Protein backbone atom coordinates (compact mmCIF):
# COMPACT_ATOMS: atom_id res chain seq x y z
CA MET A 1 2.80 23.84 -17.21
CA ARG A 2 4.85 26.55 -18.90
CA THR A 3 6.69 25.21 -21.91
CA ILE A 4 10.48 25.58 -22.32
CA ASP A 5 11.72 27.11 -25.59
CA ASP A 6 14.21 24.65 -26.85
CA SER A 7 15.89 27.26 -29.09
CA ARG A 8 17.24 29.10 -26.11
CA ALA A 9 19.90 27.96 -23.65
CA PRO A 10 19.46 24.45 -22.30
CA ALA A 11 16.79 24.21 -19.65
CA ARG A 12 18.39 24.07 -16.14
CA LEU A 13 17.20 21.41 -13.61
CA SER A 14 16.60 24.01 -10.99
CA GLU A 15 14.27 25.98 -13.32
CA LEU A 16 12.33 22.99 -14.31
CA LEU A 17 11.85 21.92 -10.68
CA ARG A 18 10.44 25.46 -9.78
CA GLU A 19 8.12 25.38 -12.81
CA ALA A 20 6.94 21.83 -12.05
CA THR A 21 6.35 22.63 -8.36
CA ALA A 22 4.24 25.70 -9.23
CA THR A 23 2.27 23.67 -11.84
CA LEU A 24 1.62 20.93 -9.25
CA ALA A 25 0.64 23.23 -6.53
CA ALA A 26 -1.87 24.98 -8.76
CA ALA A 27 -3.35 21.62 -9.51
CA GLY A 28 -3.89 20.83 -5.80
CA VAL A 29 -1.12 18.11 -5.37
CA PRO A 30 -0.53 17.98 -1.61
CA THR A 31 3.33 17.69 -1.80
CA PRO A 32 4.20 19.58 -5.03
CA ASP A 33 7.83 20.11 -4.34
CA VAL A 34 8.45 16.37 -3.29
CA ASP A 35 6.50 15.15 -6.21
CA ALA A 36 8.47 17.31 -8.61
CA GLU A 37 11.73 15.94 -7.24
CA LEU A 38 10.72 12.32 -7.45
CA LEU A 39 9.46 12.72 -11.02
CA ALA A 40 12.75 14.40 -12.00
CA ALA A 41 14.77 11.64 -10.24
CA HIS A 42 12.80 9.16 -12.15
CA VAL A 43 13.22 10.71 -15.52
CA LEU A 44 17.04 11.35 -15.14
CA GLY A 45 17.66 8.13 -13.25
CA LEU A 46 19.20 9.79 -10.26
CA SER A 47 18.84 9.49 -6.51
CA ARG A 48 17.12 12.37 -4.73
CA GLY A 49 20.56 13.28 -3.22
CA ALA A 50 22.23 13.24 -6.69
CA LEU A 51 19.26 15.30 -7.95
CA ALA A 52 19.62 17.93 -5.22
CA ALA A 53 23.42 18.15 -6.14
CA ALA A 54 22.59 18.53 -9.71
CA ALA A 55 20.14 21.24 -9.00
CA LEU A 56 22.63 23.19 -6.83
CA ARG A 57 25.20 22.95 -9.54
CA GLY A 58 22.77 24.38 -12.14
CA ASP A 59 23.09 21.30 -14.25
CA PRO A 60 21.04 21.41 -17.71
CA VAL A 61 18.58 18.71 -18.44
CA PRO A 62 19.22 16.76 -21.51
CA ALA A 63 16.89 17.66 -24.45
CA THR A 64 16.23 14.00 -24.89
CA ASP A 65 14.59 13.91 -21.44
CA LEU A 66 12.35 17.02 -21.73
CA ASP A 67 9.46 15.32 -23.48
CA ALA A 68 9.19 12.65 -20.90
CA TRP A 69 9.56 15.31 -18.09
CA HIS A 70 6.68 17.48 -19.53
CA GLU A 71 4.51 14.48 -19.97
CA LEU A 72 4.84 13.17 -16.48
CA VAL A 73 4.40 16.54 -14.82
CA ALA A 74 1.17 17.09 -16.87
CA ARG A 75 -0.13 13.69 -15.81
CA ARG A 76 0.69 14.34 -12.24
CA ALA A 77 -1.13 17.74 -12.45
CA ALA A 78 -4.16 15.75 -13.71
CA ARG A 79 -3.87 13.81 -10.39
CA GLU A 80 -2.71 10.49 -11.70
CA PRO A 81 -0.88 8.88 -8.71
CA LEU A 82 2.78 9.45 -8.47
CA GLN A 83 3.44 5.86 -7.91
CA HIS A 84 1.84 4.89 -11.21
CA LEU A 85 4.06 7.38 -12.90
CA THR A 86 7.22 6.19 -11.38
CA GLY A 87 6.06 2.53 -11.25
CA LEU A 88 7.23 2.13 -7.68
CA ALA A 89 5.67 2.54 -4.26
CA PRO A 90 7.98 2.51 -1.05
CA PHE A 91 6.63 0.52 1.82
CA ARG A 92 8.85 0.12 4.96
CA HIS A 93 12.23 -1.23 3.53
CA LEU A 94 10.71 -2.42 0.28
CA GLU A 95 10.18 -0.87 -3.24
CA LEU A 96 6.97 -2.38 -4.75
CA ARG A 97 6.09 -2.42 -8.35
CA VAL A 98 2.70 -0.90 -8.69
CA GLY A 99 0.25 0.53 -11.55
CA PRO A 100 -3.23 0.75 -12.67
CA GLY A 101 -5.39 -2.04 -11.21
CA VAL A 102 -3.60 -2.51 -7.89
CA PHE A 103 -4.19 -0.52 -4.72
CA VAL A 104 -1.19 1.69 -3.96
CA PRO A 105 0.11 0.98 -0.49
CA ARG A 106 -0.23 3.87 2.07
CA PRO A 107 2.16 4.95 4.87
CA GLU A 108 -0.54 4.20 7.52
CA THR A 109 -0.50 0.53 6.46
CA GLU A 110 3.13 0.29 7.63
CA MET A 111 1.77 0.28 11.27
CA VAL A 112 -0.54 -2.51 10.34
CA ALA A 113 2.35 -4.53 9.01
CA GLN A 114 4.26 -3.81 12.23
CA LEU A 115 1.42 -5.13 14.35
CA ALA A 116 1.44 -8.38 12.26
CA ILE A 117 5.14 -8.57 12.34
CA ASP A 118 5.24 -8.14 16.07
CA ALA A 119 2.70 -10.90 16.67
CA LEU A 120 4.49 -13.26 14.21
CA GLN A 121 7.83 -12.68 16.05
CA ALA A 122 6.16 -13.46 19.39
CA ALA A 123 4.55 -16.75 18.07
CA ALA A 124 5.77 -19.83 20.03
CA SER A 125 6.85 -21.73 16.98
CA PRO A 126 10.15 -22.18 15.11
CA ALA A 127 8.23 -21.66 11.82
CA PRO A 128 5.09 -19.70 12.42
CA ILE A 129 2.52 -19.45 9.60
CA ALA A 130 1.15 -16.03 8.52
CA VAL A 131 -1.66 -15.31 6.06
CA ASP A 132 -2.42 -12.01 4.29
CA LEU A 133 -5.86 -11.92 2.66
CA GLY A 134 -6.52 -9.45 -0.09
CA THR A 135 -2.76 -8.81 -0.35
CA GLY A 136 -2.95 -6.23 -3.26
CA SER A 137 0.58 -5.28 -4.16
CA GLY A 138 1.87 -7.68 -1.45
CA ALA A 139 3.04 -4.96 0.88
CA ILE A 140 2.12 -6.52 4.22
CA ALA A 141 2.92 -10.23 3.16
CA LEU A 142 6.20 -9.34 1.75
CA SER A 143 7.12 -7.19 4.77
CA MET A 144 6.35 -10.24 6.97
CA ALA A 145 8.32 -12.56 4.72
CA THR A 146 11.46 -10.40 4.79
CA GLU A 147 11.37 -9.20 8.25
CA VAL A 148 10.50 -12.53 9.88
CA PRO A 149 12.44 -14.88 7.63
CA HIS A 150 11.73 -17.98 9.83
CA ALA A 151 7.97 -17.67 9.27
CA ARG A 152 5.99 -19.28 6.47
CA VAL A 153 3.85 -16.54 4.73
CA PHE A 154 0.81 -17.09 2.57
CA ALA A 155 -1.08 -14.39 0.68
CA ALA A 156 -4.30 -14.36 -1.39
CA GLU A 157 -5.55 -12.09 -4.08
CA ASN A 158 -8.63 -12.44 -6.36
CA SER A 159 -8.22 -9.40 -8.65
CA VAL A 160 -6.77 -10.23 -12.09
CA ASP A 161 -5.49 -6.76 -12.56
CA ALA A 162 -3.87 -6.63 -9.14
CA PHE A 163 -2.50 -10.20 -9.25
CA LEU A 164 -0.29 -9.27 -12.22
CA TRP A 165 1.62 -6.71 -9.99
CA THR A 166 1.51 -8.96 -7.07
CA LYS A 167 3.17 -11.85 -8.89
CA GLU A 168 5.99 -9.56 -10.02
CA ASN A 169 6.55 -8.31 -6.48
CA PHE A 170 6.64 -11.83 -5.01
CA ALA A 171 9.02 -13.10 -7.64
CA ALA A 172 11.43 -10.21 -7.01
CA ILE A 173 11.28 -9.87 -3.24
CA ALA A 174 10.22 -13.17 -1.59
CA PRO A 175 9.97 -16.09 -4.07
CA HIS A 176 9.84 -18.40 -1.04
CA ALA A 177 6.53 -17.00 0.14
CA THR A 178 3.23 -18.48 -1.19
CA LEU A 179 0.95 -16.41 -3.35
CA ALA A 180 -2.48 -17.70 -4.46
CA PHE A 181 -5.22 -16.33 -6.84
CA ILE A 182 -8.23 -17.17 -4.68
CA ASP A 183 -11.05 -15.49 -2.86
CA LEU A 184 -10.18 -14.68 0.68
CA ALA A 185 -13.51 -16.43 1.86
CA VAL A 186 -12.24 -19.90 0.83
CA ALA A 187 -8.43 -19.27 1.08
CA PHE A 188 -5.99 -21.92 2.20
CA PRO A 189 -8.19 -24.65 3.62
CA ALA A 190 -5.11 -26.82 4.14
CA LEU A 191 -3.92 -24.41 6.79
CA ASP A 192 -7.09 -24.48 8.88
CA GLY A 193 -6.24 -24.29 12.68
CA THR A 194 -2.52 -23.78 12.08
CA VAL A 195 -2.12 -20.11 11.29
CA SER A 196 -0.45 -17.73 14.08
CA VAL A 197 -1.23 -14.44 12.36
CA LEU A 198 -4.00 -13.46 9.89
CA VAL A 199 -3.74 -9.94 8.62
CA SER A 200 -5.62 -8.06 6.11
CA ASN A 201 -6.18 -4.44 4.71
CA PRO A 202 -9.73 -5.04 3.43
CA PRO A 203 -12.08 -2.64 1.49
CA TYR A 204 -13.60 -0.74 4.29
CA VAL A 205 -15.01 2.56 2.78
CA PRO A 206 -18.82 2.57 2.93
CA ASP A 207 -20.39 2.55 -0.45
CA ASP A 208 -21.82 6.01 -0.30
CA ALA A 209 -18.51 7.65 1.08
CA ILE A 210 -16.80 8.70 -2.07
CA PRO A 211 -13.11 9.62 -1.29
CA ARG A 212 -12.30 13.20 -1.75
CA ASP A 213 -8.73 12.86 -3.33
CA PRO A 214 -8.78 12.26 -7.07
CA GLU A 215 -5.84 9.78 -6.83
CA VAL A 216 -8.15 7.54 -4.64
CA ARG A 217 -11.48 8.28 -6.26
CA TYR A 218 -10.46 7.68 -10.00
CA TRP A 219 -7.39 5.56 -9.76
CA ASP A 220 -7.58 2.98 -6.81
CA PRO A 221 -9.61 -0.10 -7.85
CA PRO A 222 -13.22 0.05 -6.40
CA ALA A 223 -13.04 -3.55 -5.12
CA ALA A 224 -10.22 -2.48 -2.95
CA LEU A 225 -11.97 0.58 -1.57
CA TYR A 226 -15.67 -0.14 -0.95
CA GLY A 227 -16.94 -2.54 1.70
CA GLY A 228 -20.69 -2.38 1.72
CA ALA A 229 -23.18 0.04 3.27
CA ASP A 230 -21.35 0.29 6.45
CA GLY A 231 -17.90 -0.61 5.06
CA LEU A 232 -17.67 -3.92 7.17
CA ASP A 233 -18.85 -6.56 4.73
CA VAL A 234 -15.24 -7.98 4.30
CA VAL A 235 -14.52 -7.50 7.97
CA ARG A 236 -17.36 -9.82 8.85
CA GLN A 237 -15.97 -12.36 6.33
CA LEU A 238 -12.50 -12.08 7.91
CA SER A 239 -14.00 -12.85 11.27
CA THR A 240 -15.38 -16.04 10.05
CA VAL A 241 -12.38 -17.09 8.01
CA GLY A 242 -10.01 -16.21 10.96
CA GLN A 243 -11.98 -18.60 13.19
CA ARG A 244 -11.15 -21.30 10.67
CA LEU A 245 -7.59 -20.53 9.84
CA LEU A 246 -6.10 -19.35 13.17
CA HIS A 247 -5.12 -21.77 16.04
CA PRO A 248 -6.25 -20.83 19.50
CA GLY A 249 -4.28 -17.97 20.65
CA GLY A 250 -3.55 -16.85 17.11
CA SER A 251 -3.73 -13.11 16.24
CA LEU A 252 -6.07 -11.27 13.80
CA VAL A 253 -4.95 -7.78 12.48
CA ILE A 254 -7.38 -5.67 10.44
CA GLU A 255 -6.92 -2.25 9.03
CA HIS A 256 -9.79 0.02 8.90
CA GLY A 257 -11.06 3.66 8.83
CA GLU A 258 -10.49 5.80 11.86
CA TRP A 259 -14.03 5.86 12.66
CA GLN A 260 -14.68 2.10 12.57
CA GLY A 261 -12.71 0.73 15.65
CA ALA A 262 -15.55 0.53 18.02
CA ALA A 263 -17.87 -1.20 15.49
CA ILE A 264 -15.21 -3.77 14.64
CA ARG A 265 -14.38 -4.48 18.32
CA ASP A 266 -18.02 -5.18 18.96
CA LEU A 267 -18.43 -7.34 15.82
CA LEU A 268 -15.35 -9.43 16.76
CA THR A 269 -16.38 -9.73 20.42
CA ALA A 270 -19.82 -10.94 19.54
CA ASP A 271 -18.23 -13.47 17.19
CA GLY A 272 -16.21 -14.93 20.14
CA TRP A 273 -12.85 -13.22 19.74
CA ARG A 274 -10.94 -12.21 22.79
CA ALA A 275 -9.07 -8.94 23.65
CA ALA A 276 -10.15 -6.86 20.85
CA ALA A 277 -8.25 -3.72 20.80
CA THR A 278 -7.96 -0.74 18.43
CA HIS A 279 -4.55 0.86 17.71
CA PRO A 280 -3.62 4.40 16.50
CA ASP A 281 -1.22 5.03 13.72
CA LEU A 282 1.54 7.77 13.88
CA THR A 283 -1.04 10.59 13.45
CA LEU A 284 -2.91 9.20 16.42
CA ARG A 285 -5.92 8.10 14.23
CA ASP A 286 -7.38 4.73 14.98
CA ARG A 287 -6.42 2.62 11.98
CA ALA A 288 -6.13 -1.02 13.12
CA THR A 289 -7.89 -3.56 15.37
CA THR A 290 -6.43 -6.80 16.75
CA ALA A 291 -8.01 -9.76 18.38
CA ILE A 292 -7.02 -13.13 19.68
CA ARG A 293 -8.63 -16.50 18.66
CA ALA A 294 -10.27 -18.14 21.56
């Protein structure tokens, strides 16, 4: 990024935004203008609306904020995830604390959460039980806990690094939900046969399919990405665990790669699940499969 000569007139916000956008674009950041604005809003403690107004007015940036600004733009240009730099990831109506060691929730997972929420709201119980396995930041579990307040929500995570962030999010957003540090294969035996909705965004990338985006390849934890030779090792575990946890008629919701729907439907059907169906996200890519416990 071009440096600002602090001996001249104070740097204007609009100028810094233009320079940052050019720097991020040259580094291959997919949305350089948006990222520049979000970083500036973070450094200056402004909403994006207030930031836009300040840029239109030609407001100067306080000299005390320039070092932090330059550092964050340089780190984003090196493809460190934006959410790690701001410490926050938006998800549906939530703002989740995230950082190194936890999988950053993606917009496509919002549709997966919606499928789980719809199934939970349709459950014939005054206090249906939902379980999120491999909850990561807690995005899906906390969406269910806040959008279906009469439900009892349980979540499991077994990564120490991720769990530090998960605990913080649960404490801030839904302290009434239950979070456990436990492997998904053995999670919540006391709930066997009582769960209405089981949902998971498991690791599903095949081991030899290295993601192209540097933010994913270098920053997302490998345990949250890679799921064996075909990417379906954890999906097979979920099929078994789901048969244990769900009551008859309960719903299973699994996120996956856009090319994996048919294989997952076949796997679940062979295991005795009913009505396996794959659902597209808003970009019309198949990203989730649901099934019903027989």
